[in-house]
N, C-alpha and C. Protein backbone atom coordinates (compact mmCIF):
# COMPACT_ATOMS: atom_id res chain seq x y z
N UNK A 1 -20.56 -44.03 -8.67
CA UNK A 1 -20.55 -42.61 -8.99
C UNK A 1 -20.04 -41.80 -7.81
N UNK A 2 -20.33 -42.28 -6.53
CA UNK A 2 -19.76 -41.56 -5.47
C UNK A 2 -18.20 -41.72 -5.25
N UNK A 3 -17.76 -42.78 -5.62
CA UNK A 3 -16.38 -42.96 -5.68
C UNK A 3 -15.57 -42.12 -6.53
N UNK A 4 -16.14 -41.73 -7.78
CA UNK A 4 -15.60 -40.83 -8.74
C UNK A 4 -15.50 -39.36 -8.12
N UNK A 5 -16.67 -39.04 -7.61
CA UNK A 5 -16.64 -37.65 -7.12
C UNK A 5 -15.82 -37.49 -5.85
N UNK A 6 -15.53 -38.61 -4.97
CA UNK A 6 -14.62 -38.61 -3.96
C UNK A 6 -13.29 -38.40 -4.35
N UNK A 7 -12.85 -39.18 -5.35
CA UNK A 7 -11.61 -38.87 -6.00
C UNK A 7 -11.41 -37.49 -6.65
N UNK A 8 -12.30 -37.05 -7.31
CA UNK A 8 -12.28 -35.65 -7.81
C UNK A 8 -12.13 -34.69 -6.76
N UNK A 9 -12.94 -34.66 -5.68
CA UNK A 9 -12.85 -33.85 -4.58
C UNK A 9 -11.38 -33.92 -3.96
N UNK A 10 -10.76 -35.05 -3.86
CA UNK A 10 -9.48 -35.02 -3.24
C UNK A 10 -8.53 -34.37 -4.15
N UNK A 11 -8.67 -34.34 -5.55
CA UNK A 11 -7.62 -33.84 -6.40
C UNK A 11 -7.97 -32.33 -6.68
N UNK A 12 -9.19 -31.84 -6.32
CA UNK A 12 -9.35 -30.42 -6.45
C UNK A 12 -8.75 -29.56 -5.48
N UNK A 13 -8.16 -28.57 -5.76
CA UNK A 13 -7.48 -27.62 -4.83
C UNK A 13 -8.22 -26.31 -5.10
N UNK A 14 -7.92 -25.28 -4.29
CA UNK A 14 -8.48 -23.93 -4.66
C UNK A 14 -8.12 -23.47 -6.00
N UNK A 15 -8.98 -22.73 -6.50
CA UNK A 15 -8.88 -22.07 -7.88
C UNK A 15 -7.64 -21.41 -7.95
N UNK A 16 -6.69 -21.54 -8.84
CA UNK A 16 -5.40 -20.82 -8.89
C UNK A 16 -5.46 -19.35 -9.07
N UNK A 17 -6.55 -18.88 -9.74
CA UNK A 17 -6.64 -17.42 -9.78
C UNK A 17 -8.11 -17.14 -10.34
N UNK A 18 -8.51 -15.88 -10.12
CA UNK A 18 -9.77 -15.36 -10.58
C UNK A 18 -9.58 -14.63 -12.02
N UNK A 19 -9.56 -15.44 -13.07
CA UNK A 19 -9.42 -14.77 -14.43
C UNK A 19 -10.53 -15.27 -15.35
N UNK A 20 -10.52 -14.63 -16.40
CA UNK A 20 -11.61 -15.09 -17.48
C UNK A 20 -10.86 -15.00 -18.89
N UNK A 21 -11.64 -15.33 -19.95
CA UNK A 21 -11.16 -15.22 -21.43
C UNK A 21 -11.05 -13.74 -21.66
N UNK A 22 -9.93 -13.41 -22.29
CA UNK A 22 -9.56 -12.06 -22.63
C UNK A 22 -8.48 -11.44 -21.76
N UNK A 23 -8.30 -11.97 -20.62
CA UNK A 23 -7.29 -11.48 -19.67
C UNK A 23 -5.87 -11.81 -20.03
N UNK A 24 -4.91 -11.03 -19.84
CA UNK A 24 -3.61 -11.31 -20.07
C UNK A 24 -3.12 -11.73 -18.79
N UNK A 25 -2.45 -13.02 -18.65
CA UNK A 25 -2.19 -13.58 -17.41
C UNK A 25 -0.63 -14.02 -17.51
N UNK A 26 -0.15 -14.30 -16.17
CA UNK A 26 1.21 -14.84 -16.03
C UNK A 26 0.99 -16.26 -15.27
N UNK A 27 1.24 -17.25 -15.93
CA UNK A 27 1.06 -18.68 -15.34
C UNK A 27 2.42 -19.04 -14.74
N UNK A 28 2.39 -19.20 -13.44
CA UNK A 28 3.61 -19.86 -12.85
C UNK A 28 3.51 -21.31 -12.68
N UNK A 29 4.27 -22.13 -13.39
CA UNK A 29 4.21 -23.55 -13.26
C UNK A 29 5.60 -24.13 -12.90
N UNK A 30 5.56 -25.40 -12.46
CA UNK A 30 6.85 -26.10 -12.14
C UNK A 30 7.36 -26.83 -13.22
N UNK A 31 8.69 -26.67 -13.51
CA UNK A 31 9.26 -27.44 -14.50
C UNK A 31 10.42 -28.36 -13.83
N UNK A 32 10.37 -29.64 -14.15
CA UNK A 32 11.30 -30.58 -13.62
C UNK A 32 12.25 -31.04 -14.62
N UNK A 33 13.59 -30.71 -14.34
CA UNK A 33 14.62 -30.93 -15.23
C UNK A 33 15.57 -31.97 -14.54
N UNK A 34 15.55 -33.19 -14.68
CA UNK A 34 16.36 -34.12 -14.04
C UNK A 34 15.96 -34.20 -12.41
N UNK A 35 16.90 -33.72 -11.69
CA UNK A 35 16.55 -33.66 -10.23
C UNK A 35 16.29 -32.23 -9.82
N UNK A 36 16.44 -31.26 -10.64
CA UNK A 36 16.10 -29.92 -10.32
C UNK A 36 14.71 -29.54 -10.58
N UNK A 37 14.13 -28.75 -9.77
CA UNK A 37 12.64 -28.24 -9.97
C UNK A 37 12.65 -26.70 -10.01
N UNK A 38 12.10 -26.03 -10.99
CA UNK A 38 12.17 -24.58 -10.90
C UNK A 38 10.72 -24.12 -11.32
N UNK A 39 10.44 -22.73 -11.11
CA UNK A 39 9.16 -22.38 -11.57
C UNK A 39 9.41 -21.47 -12.71
N UNK A 40 8.71 -21.72 -13.71
CA UNK A 40 8.74 -21.05 -15.00
C UNK A 40 7.50 -20.16 -15.24
N UNK A 41 7.60 -18.93 -15.91
CA UNK A 41 6.52 -18.00 -15.97
C UNK A 41 6.07 -17.91 -17.39
N UNK A 42 4.87 -18.11 -17.72
CA UNK A 42 4.34 -18.08 -19.12
C UNK A 42 3.25 -16.97 -19.19
N UNK A 43 3.56 -16.00 -19.90
CA UNK A 43 2.71 -14.88 -20.12
C UNK A 43 2.08 -14.64 -21.36
N UNK A 44 0.67 -14.64 -21.35
CA UNK A 44 0.01 -14.51 -22.69
C UNK A 44 -1.59 -14.11 -22.40
N UNK A 45 -2.28 -14.26 -23.54
CA UNK A 45 -3.62 -13.89 -23.52
C UNK A 45 -4.45 -15.13 -23.36
N UNK A 46 -5.46 -15.35 -22.56
CA UNK A 46 -6.27 -16.32 -22.40
C UNK A 46 -7.37 -16.42 -23.64
N UNK A 47 -7.34 -17.36 -24.50
CA UNK A 47 -8.24 -17.30 -25.46
C UNK A 47 -9.34 -18.31 -25.47
N UNK A 48 -9.21 -19.27 -24.51
CA UNK A 48 -10.26 -20.23 -24.31
C UNK A 48 -10.12 -20.81 -22.97
N UNK A 49 -11.29 -21.20 -22.27
CA UNK A 49 -11.51 -21.94 -21.09
C UNK A 49 -12.48 -23.04 -21.40
N UNK A 50 -12.10 -24.23 -20.95
CA UNK A 50 -12.97 -25.39 -20.98
C UNK A 50 -13.25 -25.92 -19.58
N UNK A 51 -14.43 -26.06 -19.16
CA UNK A 51 -14.83 -26.44 -17.94
C UNK A 51 -15.42 -27.90 -17.79
N UNK A 52 -14.63 -28.64 -17.10
CA UNK A 52 -15.16 -30.05 -16.76
C UNK A 52 -14.60 -30.41 -15.39
N UNK A 53 -15.12 -29.86 -14.32
CA UNK A 53 -14.65 -30.09 -13.01
C UNK A 53 -13.18 -30.10 -12.79
N UNK A 54 -12.64 -31.26 -12.52
CA UNK A 54 -11.19 -31.46 -12.23
C UNK A 54 -10.48 -31.21 -13.54
N UNK A 55 -10.99 -31.42 -14.69
CA UNK A 55 -10.34 -31.33 -16.02
C UNK A 55 -10.37 -29.99 -16.53
N UNK A 56 -10.62 -28.99 -15.82
CA UNK A 56 -10.77 -27.53 -16.32
C UNK A 56 -9.37 -27.10 -16.76
N UNK A 57 -9.47 -26.59 -18.10
CA UNK A 57 -8.23 -26.07 -18.68
C UNK A 57 -8.46 -24.61 -19.22
N UNK A 58 -7.31 -24.03 -19.49
CA UNK A 58 -7.36 -22.69 -20.09
C UNK A 58 -6.22 -22.71 -21.19
N UNK A 59 -6.42 -21.99 -22.39
CA UNK A 59 -5.53 -22.02 -23.32
C UNK A 59 -4.86 -20.49 -23.34
N UNK A 60 -3.64 -20.52 -23.32
CA UNK A 60 -2.85 -19.18 -23.20
C UNK A 60 -2.03 -19.00 -24.44
N UNK A 61 -2.11 -17.94 -25.19
CA UNK A 61 -1.48 -17.59 -26.43
C UNK A 61 -0.56 -16.52 -26.31
N UNK A 62 0.67 -16.60 -26.74
CA UNK A 62 1.65 -15.58 -26.71
C UNK A 62 2.39 -15.54 -27.97
N UNK A 63 3.02 -14.34 -28.41
CA UNK A 63 3.87 -14.31 -29.52
C UNK A 63 5.42 -14.49 -28.97
N UNK A 64 6.03 -15.35 -29.57
CA UNK A 64 7.51 -15.52 -29.12
C UNK A 64 8.24 -15.41 -30.42
N UNK A 65 9.06 -14.32 -30.55
CA UNK A 65 9.97 -14.01 -31.76
C UNK A 65 9.12 -14.04 -33.06
N UNK A 66 7.92 -13.60 -33.01
CA UNK A 66 7.15 -13.43 -34.16
C UNK A 66 6.34 -14.76 -34.58
N UNK A 67 6.38 -15.78 -33.68
CA UNK A 67 5.62 -16.92 -33.91
C UNK A 67 4.62 -17.08 -32.78
N UNK A 68 3.46 -17.38 -33.16
CA UNK A 68 2.34 -17.51 -32.13
C UNK A 68 2.54 -18.92 -31.51
N UNK A 69 2.50 -18.80 -30.12
CA UNK A 69 2.64 -20.10 -29.28
C UNK A 69 1.55 -20.23 -28.36
N UNK A 70 0.74 -21.35 -28.42
CA UNK A 70 -0.27 -21.60 -27.55
C UNK A 70 0.02 -22.77 -26.61
N UNK A 71 -0.52 -22.64 -25.32
CA UNK A 71 -0.26 -23.78 -24.37
C UNK A 71 -1.51 -23.86 -23.63
N UNK A 72 -1.91 -25.21 -23.49
CA UNK A 72 -3.10 -25.60 -22.66
C UNK A 72 -2.61 -25.95 -21.26
N UNK A 73 -3.15 -25.27 -20.23
CA UNK A 73 -2.86 -25.55 -18.83
C UNK A 73 -4.07 -26.09 -18.14
N UNK A 74 -3.88 -27.34 -17.55
CA UNK A 74 -4.87 -27.88 -16.64
C UNK A 74 -4.81 -27.06 -15.35
N UNK A 75 -5.98 -26.47 -15.00
CA UNK A 75 -5.91 -25.55 -13.69
C UNK A 75 -5.77 -26.23 -12.42
N UNK A 76 -6.15 -27.47 -12.39
CA UNK A 76 -6.09 -28.07 -11.02
C UNK A 76 -4.89 -29.12 -10.94
N UNK A 77 -3.93 -28.82 -11.81
CA UNK A 77 -2.71 -29.54 -11.85
C UNK A 77 -1.80 -29.17 -10.72
N UNK A 78 -1.06 -30.06 -10.02
CA UNK A 78 -0.33 -29.74 -8.97
C UNK A 78 0.98 -28.96 -9.42
N UNK A 79 1.30 -28.88 -10.73
CA UNK A 79 2.30 -28.16 -11.32
C UNK A 79 2.00 -26.69 -11.44
N UNK A 80 0.76 -26.30 -11.44
CA UNK A 80 0.38 -24.88 -11.51
C UNK A 80 0.66 -24.37 -10.14
N UNK A 81 1.49 -23.22 -9.89
CA UNK A 81 1.66 -22.69 -8.56
C UNK A 81 0.66 -21.58 -8.41
N UNK A 82 0.53 -20.64 -9.33
CA UNK A 82 -0.49 -19.65 -9.29
C UNK A 82 -0.52 -18.97 -10.59
N UNK A 83 -1.70 -18.19 -10.89
CA UNK A 83 -1.94 -17.51 -11.98
C UNK A 83 -2.25 -16.13 -11.58
N UNK A 84 -1.42 -15.05 -12.19
CA UNK A 84 -1.59 -13.67 -11.93
C UNK A 84 -2.28 -13.06 -13.17
N UNK A 85 -3.29 -12.09 -12.91
CA UNK A 85 -3.81 -11.36 -13.83
C UNK A 85 -3.03 -10.11 -14.06
N UNK A 86 -2.44 -10.01 -15.36
CA UNK A 86 -1.57 -8.74 -15.63
C UNK A 86 -2.50 -7.66 -16.06
N UNK A 87 -3.40 -7.98 -16.91
CA UNK A 87 -4.26 -6.96 -17.52
C UNK A 87 -5.67 -7.51 -17.75
N UNK A 88 -6.78 -7.02 -17.17
CA UNK A 88 -7.99 -7.62 -17.44
C UNK A 88 -8.49 -7.07 -18.92
N UNK A 89 -9.05 -7.90 -19.61
CA UNK A 89 -9.55 -7.62 -20.96
C UNK A 89 -11.10 -7.53 -21.06
N UNK A 90 -11.53 -6.75 -21.99
CA UNK A 90 -13.04 -6.61 -22.32
C UNK A 90 -13.27 -7.23 -23.59
N UNK A 91 -13.98 -8.38 -23.49
CA UNK A 91 -14.26 -9.24 -24.71
C UNK A 91 -15.86 -9.61 -24.64
N UNK A 92 -16.37 -9.86 -25.85
CA UNK A 92 -17.72 -10.40 -25.81
C UNK A 92 -18.00 -11.72 -26.32
N UNK A 93 -16.85 -12.50 -26.38
CA UNK A 93 -16.93 -13.93 -26.75
C UNK A 93 -16.39 -14.79 -25.76
N UNK A 94 -16.80 -16.05 -25.81
CA UNK A 94 -16.30 -17.14 -24.86
C UNK A 94 -14.91 -17.70 -25.37
N UNK A 95 -14.79 -17.73 -26.71
CA UNK A 95 -13.48 -18.24 -27.26
C UNK A 95 -13.02 -17.24 -28.26
N UNK A 96 -11.69 -16.97 -28.18
CA UNK A 96 -11.08 -15.97 -28.99
C UNK A 96 -10.19 -16.55 -30.07
N UNK A 97 -10.64 -17.56 -30.70
CA UNK A 97 -9.85 -18.22 -31.78
C UNK A 97 -9.57 -17.33 -32.81
N UNK A 98 -10.42 -16.29 -33.16
CA UNK A 98 -10.06 -15.39 -34.21
C UNK A 98 -8.76 -14.60 -34.20
N UNK A 99 -8.22 -14.49 -32.84
CA UNK A 99 -6.97 -13.82 -32.64
C UNK A 99 -5.79 -14.39 -33.38
N UNK A 100 -5.99 -15.82 -33.79
CA UNK A 100 -4.90 -16.51 -34.32
C UNK A 100 -4.48 -15.93 -35.77
N UNK A 101 -5.52 -15.30 -36.47
CA UNK A 101 -5.24 -14.78 -37.80
C UNK A 101 -4.97 -13.30 -37.71
N UNK A 102 -5.10 -12.68 -36.56
CA UNK A 102 -4.77 -11.34 -36.55
C UNK A 102 -3.34 -11.06 -36.21
N UNK A 103 -2.81 -9.85 -36.66
CA UNK A 103 -1.47 -9.55 -36.53
C UNK A 103 -1.32 -8.03 -36.02
N UNK A 104 -0.42 -7.88 -35.21
CA UNK A 104 0.01 -6.48 -34.76
C UNK A 104 -1.24 -5.94 -33.92
N UNK A 105 -1.64 -4.64 -34.22
CA UNK A 105 -2.70 -3.99 -33.52
C UNK A 105 -4.01 -4.70 -33.62
N UNK A 106 -4.21 -5.33 -34.60
CA UNK A 106 -5.50 -6.11 -34.95
C UNK A 106 -5.72 -7.23 -33.84
N UNK A 107 -4.58 -7.56 -33.20
CA UNK A 107 -4.68 -8.73 -32.22
C UNK A 107 -4.83 -8.25 -30.85
N UNK A 108 -4.92 -6.78 -30.67
CA UNK A 108 -5.03 -6.36 -29.47
C UNK A 108 -6.55 -6.46 -28.80
N UNK A 109 -6.54 -6.61 -27.42
CA UNK A 109 -7.77 -6.73 -26.80
C UNK A 109 -7.91 -5.39 -25.93
N UNK A 110 -9.23 -4.81 -25.89
CA UNK A 110 -9.45 -3.70 -25.13
C UNK A 110 -9.22 -3.94 -23.64
N UNK A 111 -8.74 -3.06 -22.93
CA UNK A 111 -8.52 -3.28 -21.47
C UNK A 111 -9.76 -2.92 -20.83
N UNK A 112 -10.20 -3.81 -19.71
CA UNK A 112 -11.33 -3.62 -18.95
C UNK A 112 -11.04 -2.70 -17.86
N UNK A 113 -11.67 -1.47 -17.76
CA UNK A 113 -11.44 -0.56 -16.66
C UNK A 113 -12.41 -0.83 -15.57
N UNK A 114 -11.90 -1.11 -14.47
CA UNK A 114 -12.71 -1.46 -13.25
C UNK A 114 -13.12 -0.29 -12.47
N UNK A 115 -14.35 0.01 -12.24
CA UNK A 115 -14.78 1.27 -11.55
C UNK A 115 -14.52 0.95 -10.09
N UNK A 116 -13.89 1.95 -9.44
CA UNK A 116 -13.64 1.87 -7.92
C UNK A 116 -14.73 2.51 -7.32
N UNK A 117 -14.81 2.32 -5.93
CA UNK A 117 -15.96 2.88 -5.25
C UNK A 117 -15.96 4.47 -5.31
N UNK A 118 -16.98 5.01 -4.95
CA UNK A 118 -17.18 6.46 -5.08
C UNK A 118 -16.18 7.28 -4.25
N UNK A 119 -15.94 6.72 -3.11
CA UNK A 119 -15.04 7.48 -2.18
C UNK A 119 -13.56 7.41 -2.67
N UNK A 120 -13.20 6.25 -3.20
CA UNK A 120 -11.72 6.22 -3.65
C UNK A 120 -11.48 7.00 -4.92
N UNK A 121 -12.61 7.05 -5.80
CA UNK A 121 -12.43 7.86 -6.94
C UNK A 121 -12.36 9.25 -6.86
N UNK A 122 -13.06 9.82 -5.76
CA UNK A 122 -13.16 11.16 -5.48
C UNK A 122 -11.63 11.67 -4.96
N UNK A 123 -11.17 12.72 -5.39
CA UNK A 123 -9.98 13.23 -4.84
C UNK A 123 -10.17 14.57 -4.33
N UNK A 124 -9.63 14.92 -3.17
CA UNK A 124 -9.82 16.25 -2.58
C UNK A 124 -9.36 17.34 -3.55
N UNK A 125 -10.07 18.51 -3.41
CA UNK A 125 -9.66 19.61 -4.33
C UNK A 125 -8.20 20.05 -3.96
N UNK A 126 -7.55 20.44 -4.96
CA UNK A 126 -6.11 21.02 -4.82
C UNK A 126 -6.14 22.36 -3.97
N UNK A 127 -5.52 22.30 -2.83
CA UNK A 127 -5.50 23.48 -2.00
C UNK A 127 -4.50 24.49 -2.55
N UNK A 128 -3.49 24.16 -3.15
CA UNK A 128 -2.49 25.07 -3.54
C UNK A 128 -3.12 26.02 -4.63
N UNK A 129 -4.05 25.58 -5.54
CA UNK A 129 -4.62 26.39 -6.45
C UNK A 129 -5.57 27.36 -5.98
N UNK A 130 -6.48 26.83 -4.95
CA UNK A 130 -7.38 27.69 -4.37
C UNK A 130 -6.70 28.83 -3.31
N UNK A 131 -5.81 28.36 -2.55
CA UNK A 131 -5.20 29.29 -1.50
C UNK A 131 -4.19 30.19 -2.20
N UNK A 132 -3.52 29.77 -3.26
CA UNK A 132 -2.50 30.63 -3.89
C UNK A 132 -3.01 31.75 -4.82
N UNK A 133 -4.37 31.58 -5.17
CA UNK A 133 -4.81 32.73 -6.03
C UNK A 133 -5.23 33.95 -5.09
N UNK A 134 -5.65 33.61 -3.82
CA UNK A 134 -6.13 34.84 -3.03
C UNK A 134 -4.86 35.50 -2.31
N UNK A 135 -3.89 34.85 -2.10
CA UNK A 135 -2.73 35.39 -1.28
C UNK A 135 -1.80 36.29 -2.10
């Protein structure tokens, strides 16, 4: 058992990104075409995450020319360069398989609005409005 854990520890790398189900993400992964190697970007909605240590995967869905396309990415694969969160989503389910049947606006996910600290959210009062009225 210790040998299996040692092999898994060697294969694990840092988490490619901090994202969850419902987020719209860009997955940067390596494509090998003959001798050439390039990075391709796949942007879509994360509809499922499966957790099993090194075998952790995420399913990303996008619409390509009116056809729904899903792709499963193993997150600890050496081909995954990085995962960017484009838009955080607000969902109440762990698996969003119901999105497969939805079309158009029905397939939209609400955006999660992240609250910032109180100081960053407060803006100073506009001086031009206060100073201009008295002058």
